Amino acid sequence: MQYLVACGLNAPELPAGCRVIADGETIAFEEPWDFGPTLVARVDDGVDLSSFKGKAGITAFAVEGINEPDNGKAIAIGAHVMRDPEGFKPYAAGVPSVIKNYGCNYIARGGKVTALAGRFVPDRVVLMQFPAADEIVSFYFCDAYAPLLPIRLKTTEPRFVLMACKGAVQDSAKRVIAEKL
């Protein structure tokens, strides 16, 4: 199983064996996520994604999955270009004990990334599904995460994106993001 993260691509363009799990509003917390409308799809084993390779107008990459999606209403996408993999290790080791308090379901975490199209090619991708956008915001701005965040920002070219599975991000989450960022 893999997960496809694609920007500038519509669900009807996906091959059989791909199921969209998120295509709602996105909000970038760090570096810009300027790739256009985004979708995340679960991809069955054996599905050929090569038709997307080098396709103009899209940014797309696939990442090895570890869990099935659940009924969460929001996804967090962490997609990074690694600057210092060794320095990143304390971050990767510390996050699970913090994030577990927010209902996180890791559906992909640092597995093999396959670049398909576009100018952004991350080395490491983490896809996390949460009950709601508010939980992502609470996690990102919590006191327990505060000492870990600078490690990720220093050791990667970071992208952290909150994405509604459907429709708009909750207004309550938008208010907190506007206050804090």
C-alpha atoms as a PDB file:
ATOM      1  CA  MET A   1       0.000   0.000   0.000  1.00  0.00           C
ATOM      2  CA  GLN A   2       1.109   3.517  -0.810  1.00  0.00           C
ATOM      3  CA  TYR A   3      -0.294   6.994  -0.445  1.00  0.00           C
ATOM      4  CA  LEU A   4      -0.227   9.480  -3.279  1.00  0.00           C
ATOM      5  CA  VAL A   5       0.076  13.198  -2.529  1.00  0.00           C
ATOM      6  CA  ALA A   6      -0.799  15.117  -5.672  1.00  0.00           C
ATOM      7  CA  CYS A   7      -1.310  18.791  -6.384  1.00  0.00           C
ATOM      8  CA  GLY A   8      -3.010  20.014  -9.533  1.00  0.00           C
ATOM      9  CA  LEU A   9      -4.616  16.636 -10.173  1.00  0.00           C
ATOM     10  CA  ASN A  10      -8.328  15.781 -10.009  1.00  0.00           C
ATOM     11  CA  ALA A  11      -9.765  12.590  -8.560  1.00  0.00           C
ATOM     12  CA  PRO A  12     -11.170  11.375 -11.937  1.00  0.00           C
ATOM     13  CA  GLU A  13      -7.588  11.361 -13.282  1.00  0.00           C
ATOM     14  CA  LEU A  14      -6.537   8.699 -10.764  1.00  0.00           C
ATOM     15  CA  PRO A  15      -6.145   5.131 -11.990  1.00  0.00           C
ATOM     16  CA  ALA A  16      -8.320   2.299 -10.667  1.00  0.00           C
ATOM     17  CA  GLY A  17      -7.075   1.169  -7.270  1.00  0.00           C
ATOM     18  CA  CYS A  18      -6.690   4.705  -5.905  1.00  0.00           C
ATOM     19  CA  ARG A  19      -9.145   6.042  -3.335  1.00  0.00           C
ATOM     20  CA  VAL A  20      -9.144   9.719  -2.351  1.00  0.00           C
ATOM     21  CA  ILE A  21      -9.015  10.121   1.414  1.00  0.00           C
ATOM     22  CA  ALA A  22      -8.482  13.892   1.495  1.00  0.00           C
ATOM     23  CA  ASP A  23      -9.077  16.713  -0.958  1.00  0.00           C
ATOM     24  CA  GLY A  24     -10.242  19.573   1.244  1.00  0.00           C
ATOM     25  CA  GLU A  25      -8.783  22.968   2.078  1.00  0.00           C
ATOM     26  CA  THR A  26      -5.079  23.161   2.958  1.00  0.00           C
ATOM     27  CA  ILE A  27      -3.214  25.528   5.268  1.00  0.00           C
ATOM     28  CA  ALA A  28       0.597  25.587   5.308  1.00  0.00           C
ATOM     29  CA  PHE A  29       2.239  26.204   8.673  1.00  0.00           C
ATOM     30  CA  GLU A  30       5.833  26.665   7.502  1.00  0.00           C
ATOM     31  CA  GLU A  31       7.370  26.874   4.032  1.00  0.00           C
ATOM     32  CA  PRO A  32       4.839  27.695   1.337  1.00  0.00           C
ATOM     33  CA  TRP A  33       2.709  24.917  -0.083  1.00  0.00           C
ATOM     34  CA  ASP A  34       2.152  26.658  -3.384  1.00  0.00           C
ATOM     35  CA  PHE A  35       1.458  23.637  -5.541  1.00  0.00           C
ATOM     36  CA  GLY A  36      -2.282  24.186  -5.994  1.00  0.00           C
ATOM     37  CA  PRO A  37      -5.243  22.104  -4.854  1.00  0.00           C
ATOM     38  CA  THR A  38      -4.059  18.932  -3.147  1.00  0.00           C
ATOM     39  CA  LEU A  39      -5.402  15.439  -2.803  1.00  0.00           C
ATOM     40  CA  VAL A  40      -4.209  12.446  -0.808  1.00  0.00           C
ATOM     41  CA  ALA A  41      -5.181   9.004  -2.076  1.00  0.00           C
ATOM     42  CA  ARG A  42      -4.654   5.484  -0.782  1.00  0.00           C
ATOM     43  CA  VAL A  43      -3.095   3.411  -3.559  1.00  0.00           C
ATOM     44  CA  ASP A  44      -3.532  -0.365  -3.706  1.00  0.00           C
ATOM     45  CA  ASP A  45      -0.485  -2.566  -4.197  1.00  0.00           C
ATOM     46  CA  GLY A  46       0.370  -3.037  -7.843  1.00  0.00           C
ATOM     47  CA  VAL A  47      -1.224   0.186  -9.116  1.00  0.00           C
ATOM     48  CA  ASP A  48       0.968   1.803 -11.753  1.00  0.00           C
ATOM     49  CA  LEU A  49       1.506   5.505 -11.064  1.00  0.00           C
ATOM     50  CA  SER A  50       4.027   5.969 -13.881  1.00  0.00           C
ATOM     51  CA  SER A  51       1.508   7.908 -15.986  1.00  0.00           C
ATOM     52  CA  PHE A  52       2.104  10.843 -13.627  1.00  0.00           C
ATOM     53  CA  LYS A  53       5.885  10.850 -14.097  1.00  0.00           C
ATOM     54  CA  GLY A  54       6.937  14.192 -15.484  1.00  0.00           C
ATOM     55  CA  LYS A  55       3.348  15.265 -16.173  1.00  0.00           C
ATOM     56  CA  ALA A  56       3.240  19.037 -16.603  1.00  0.00           C
ATOM     57  CA  GLY A  57       1.184  21.116 -14.189  1.00  0.00           C
ATOM     58  CA  ILE A  58       1.225  18.720 -11.254  1.00  0.00           C
ATOM     59  CA  THR A  59       3.385  17.996  -8.248  1.00  0.00           C
ATOM     60  CA  ALA A  60       3.068  14.396  -7.125  1.00  0.00           C
ATOM     61  CA  PHE A  61       4.896  11.889  -4.981  1.00  0.00           C
ATOM     62  CA  ALA A  62       4.013   8.557  -3.421  1.00  0.00           C
ATOM     63  CA  VAL A  63       5.033   7.294   0.001  1.00  0.00           C
ATOM     64  CA  GLU A  64       4.976   3.814   1.443  1.00  0.00           C
ATOM     65  CA  GLY A  65       1.991   3.349   3.769  1.00  0.00           C
ATOM     66  CA  ILE A  66       1.995   1.759   7.216  1.00  0.00           C
ATOM     67  CA  ASN A  67      -1.674   1.950   8.275  1.00  0.00           C
ATOM     68  CA  GLU A  68      -5.113   2.168   6.723  1.00  0.00           C
ATOM     69  CA  PRO A  69      -6.911   5.497   6.947  1.00  0.00           C
ATOM     70  CA  ASP A  70      -9.603   5.817   9.581  1.00  0.00           C
ATOM     71  CA  ASN A  71     -12.596   8.121   9.879  1.00  0.00           C
ATOM     72  CA  GLY A  72     -10.493  11.166  10.807  1.00  0.00           C
ATOM     73  CA  LYS A  73     -11.575  14.500   9.394  1.00  0.00           C
ATOM     74  CA  ALA A  74      -8.137  16.076   8.890  1.00  0.00           C
ATOM     75  CA  ILE A  75      -4.681  15.120   7.632  1.00  0.00           C
ATOM     76  CA  ALA A  76      -1.312  16.605   8.473  1.00  0.00           C
ATOM     77  CA  ILE A  77       1.306  16.311   5.754  1.00  0.00           C
ATOM     78  CA  GLY A  78       4.929  16.567   6.808  1.00  0.00           C
ATOM     79  CA  ALA A  79       7.023  16.557   3.635  1.00  0.00           C
ATOM     80  CA  HIS A  80      10.658  17.463   4.084  1.00  0.00           C
ATOM     81  CA  VAL A  81      13.922  17.738   2.244  1.00  0.00           C
ATOM     82  CA  MET A  82      16.462  16.477   4.766  1.00  0.00           C
ATOM     83  CA  ARG A  83      19.448  18.737   5.537  1.00  0.00           C
ATOM     84  CA  ASP A  84      20.807  16.849   8.541  1.00  0.00           C
ATOM     85  CA  PRO A  85      19.370  13.310   8.896  1.00  0.00           C
ATOM     86  CA  GLU A  86      21.476  12.585  11.986  1.00  0.00           C
ATOM     87  CA  GLY A  87      20.379  15.798  13.707  1.00  0.00           C
ATOM     88  CA  PHE A  88      16.747  14.957  12.860  1.00  0.00           C
ATOM     89  CA  LYS A  89      16.782  11.697  14.860  1.00  0.00           C
ATOM     90  CA  PRO A  90      15.880  13.247  18.258  1.00  0.00           C
ATOM     91  CA  TYR A  91      12.851  14.855  16.633  1.00  0.00           C
ATOM     92  CA  ALA A  92      11.653  11.584  15.064  1.00  0.00           C
ATOM     93  CA  ALA A  93      12.155   9.771  18.375  1.00  0.00           C
ATOM     94  CA  GLY A  94      10.371  12.419  20.457  1.00  0.00           C
ATOM     95  CA  VAL A  95       7.234  13.147  18.440  1.00  0.00           C
ATOM     96  CA  PRO A  96       5.292   9.858  18.890  1.00  0.00           C
ATOM     97  CA  SER A  97       4.979  10.278  22.662  1.00  0.00           C
ATOM     98  CA  VAL A  98       3.599  13.806  22.184  1.00  0.00           C
ATOM     99  CA  ILE A  99       1.316  13.232  19.218  1.00  0.00           C
ATOM    100  CA  LYS A 100      -0.424  10.158  20.672  1.00  0.00           C
ATOM    101  CA  ASN A 101      -2.453  12.466  22.929  1.00  0.00           C
ATOM    102  CA  TYR A 102      -4.152  14.051  19.902  1.00  0.00           C
ATOM    103  CA  GLY A 103      -5.725  11.004  18.244  1.00  0.00           C
ATOM    104  CA  CYS A 104      -3.082  10.669  15.523  1.00  0.00           C
ATOM    105  CA  ASN A 105      -3.203   7.715  13.137  1.00  0.00           C
ATOM    106  CA  TYR A 106       0.090   7.534  11.258  1.00  0.00           C
ATOM    107  CA  ILE A 107      -0.804   6.275   7.797  1.00  0.00           C
ATOM    108  CA  ALA A 108       2.709   6.854   6.386  1.00  0.00           C
ATOM    109  CA  ARG A 109       5.824   7.622   8.378  1.00  0.00           C
ATOM    110  CA  GLY A 110       9.194   8.035   6.748  1.00  0.00           C
ATOM    111  CA  GLY A 111       8.876   5.175   4.269  1.00  0.00           C
ATOM    112  CA  LYS A 112      10.227   5.116   0.738  1.00  0.00           C
ATOM    113  CA  VAL A 113       9.229   8.219  -1.242  1.00  0.00           C
ATOM    114  CA  THR A 114       8.750   7.978  -5.003  1.00  0.00           C
ATOM    115  CA  ALA A 115       8.948  11.258  -6.914  1.00  0.00           C
ATOM    116  CA  LEU A 116       6.443  11.380  -9.769  1.00  0.00           C
ATOM    117  CA  ALA A 117       6.116  14.959 -11.035  1.00  0.00           C
ATOM    118  CA  GLY A 118       6.832  18.568 -10.180  1.00  0.00           C
ATOM    119  CA  ARG A 119       9.563  20.647  -8.685  1.00  0.00           C
ATOM    120  CA  PHE A 120       9.201  19.593  -5.031  1.00  0.00           C
ATOM    121  CA  VAL A 121      10.693  16.213  -4.192  1.00  0.00           C
ATOM    122  CA  PRO A 122      10.722  15.428  -0.460  1.00  0.00           C
ATOM    123  CA  ASP A 123      13.130  12.922   1.090  1.00  0.00           C
ATOM    124  CA  ARG A 124      10.819  12.157   3.997  1.00  0.00           C
ATOM    125  CA  VAL A 125       7.025  12.173   4.149  1.00  0.00           C
ATOM    126  CA  VAL A 126       4.762  11.641   7.128  1.00  0.00           C
ATOM    127  CA  LEU A 127       0.984  11.479   6.727  1.00  0.00           C
ATOM    128  CA  MET A 128      -1.051  11.695   9.906  1.00  0.00           C
ATOM    129  CA  GLN A 129      -4.822  11.457  10.171  1.00  0.00           C
ATOM    130  CA  PHE A 130      -6.591  13.180  13.074  1.00  0.00           C
ATOM    131  CA  PRO A 131     -10.184  13.287  14.332  1.00  0.00           C
ATOM    132  CA  ALA A 132     -10.367  17.007  13.413  1.00  0.00           C
ATOM    133  CA  ALA A 133      -8.211  19.976  12.394  1.00  0.00           C
ATOM    134  CA  ASP A 134      -8.373  21.298  15.964  1.00  0.00           C
ATOM    135  CA  GLU A 135      -6.280  18.322  17.149  1.00  0.00           C
ATOM    136  CA  ILE A 136      -3.559  19.073  14.591  1.00  0.00           C
ATOM    137  CA  VAL A 137      -3.456  22.706  15.686  1.00  0.00           C
ATOM    138  CA  SER A 138      -3.417  21.736  19.372  1.00  0.00           C
ATOM    139  CA  PHE A 139      -0.548  19.325  18.779  1.00  0.00           C
ATOM    140  CA  TYR A 140       1.524  21.768  16.709  1.00  0.00           C
ATOM    141  CA  PHE A 141       1.248  24.562  19.286  1.00  0.00           C
ATOM    142  CA  CYS A 142       1.403  22.459  22.493  1.00  0.00           C
ATOM    143  CA  ASP A 143       4.107  22.936  25.133  1.00  0.00           C
ATOM    144  CA  ALA A 144       5.364  19.350  24.773  1.00  0.00           C
ATOM    145  CA  TYR A 145       6.030  19.832  21.029  1.00  0.00           C
ATOM    146  CA  ALA A 146       7.704  23.236  21.451  1.00  0.00           C
ATOM    147  CA  PRO A 147      11.247  21.869  22.122  1.00  0.00           C
ATOM    148  CA  LEU A 148      11.001  19.414  19.199  1.00  0.00           C
ATOM    149  CA  LEU A 149       9.836  21.826  16.498  1.00  0.00           C
ATOM    150  CA  PRO A 150      13.135  23.786  16.285  1.00  0.00           C
ATOM    151  CA  ILE A 151      14.967  20.501  15.627  1.00  0.00           C
ATOM    152  CA  ARG A 152      12.797  19.790  12.577  1.00  0.00           C
ATOM    153  CA  LEU A 153      13.033  23.359  11.326  1.00  0.00           C
ATOM    154  CA  LYS A 154      16.838  23.324  11.634  1.00  0.00           C
ATOM    155  CA  THR A 155      17.465  19.881  10.127  1.00  0.00           C
ATOM    156  CA  THR A 156      15.045  19.982   7.165  1.00  0.00           C
ATOM    157  CA  GLU A 157      13.592  22.171   4.479  1.00  0.00           C
ATOM    158  CA  PRO A 158      10.201  21.733   6.144  1.00  0.00           C
ATOM    159  CA  ARG A 159       6.669  21.567   4.855  1.00  0.00           C
ATOM    160  CA  PHE A 160       3.846  21.035   7.348  1.00  0.00           C
ATOM    161  CA  VAL A 161       0.350  21.252   5.943  1.00  0.00           C
ATOM    162  CA  LEU A 162      -3.025  20.841   7.601  1.00  0.00           C
ATOM    163  CA  MET A 163      -5.629  19.462   5.212  1.00  0.00           C
ATOM    164  CA  ALA A 164      -9.348  18.900   5.678  1.00  0.00           C
ATOM    165  CA  CYS A 165     -10.399  15.507   4.375  1.00  0.00           C
ATOM    166  CA  LYS A 166     -13.419  17.221   2.814  1.00  0.00           C
ATOM    167  CA  GLY A 167     -14.426  20.860   2.518  1.00  0.00           C
ATOM    168  CA  ALA A 168     -13.063  23.694   4.619  1.00  0.00           C
ATOM    169  CA  VAL A 169     -10.774  23.577   7.636  1.00  0.00           C
ATOM    170  CA  GLN A 170     -12.715  24.240  10.845  1.00  0.00           C
ATOM    171  CA  ASP A 171     -13.057  27.938  11.707  1.00  0.00           C
ATOM    172  CA  SER A 172     -11.826  27.278  15.255  1.00  0.00           C
ATOM    173  CA  ALA A 173      -8.572  25.859  13.866  1.00  0.00           C
ATOM    174  CA  LYS A 174      -8.199  28.788  11.451  1.00  0.00           C
ATOM    175  CA  ARG A 175      -8.567  31.284  14.313  1.00  0.00           C
ATOM    176  CA  VAL A 176      -5.800  29.660  16.365  1.00  0.00           C
ATOM    177  CA  ILE A 177      -3.493  29.430  13.327  1.00  0.00           C
ATOM    178  CA  ALA A 178      -4.086  33.118  12.540  1.00  0.00           C
ATOM    179  CA  GLU A 179      -3.230  34.046  16.151  1.00  0.00           C
ATOM    180  CA  LYS A 180      -0.109  31.905  16.412  1.00  0.00           C
ATOM    181  CA  LEU A 181       1.508  32.195  12.989  1.00  0.00           C
END
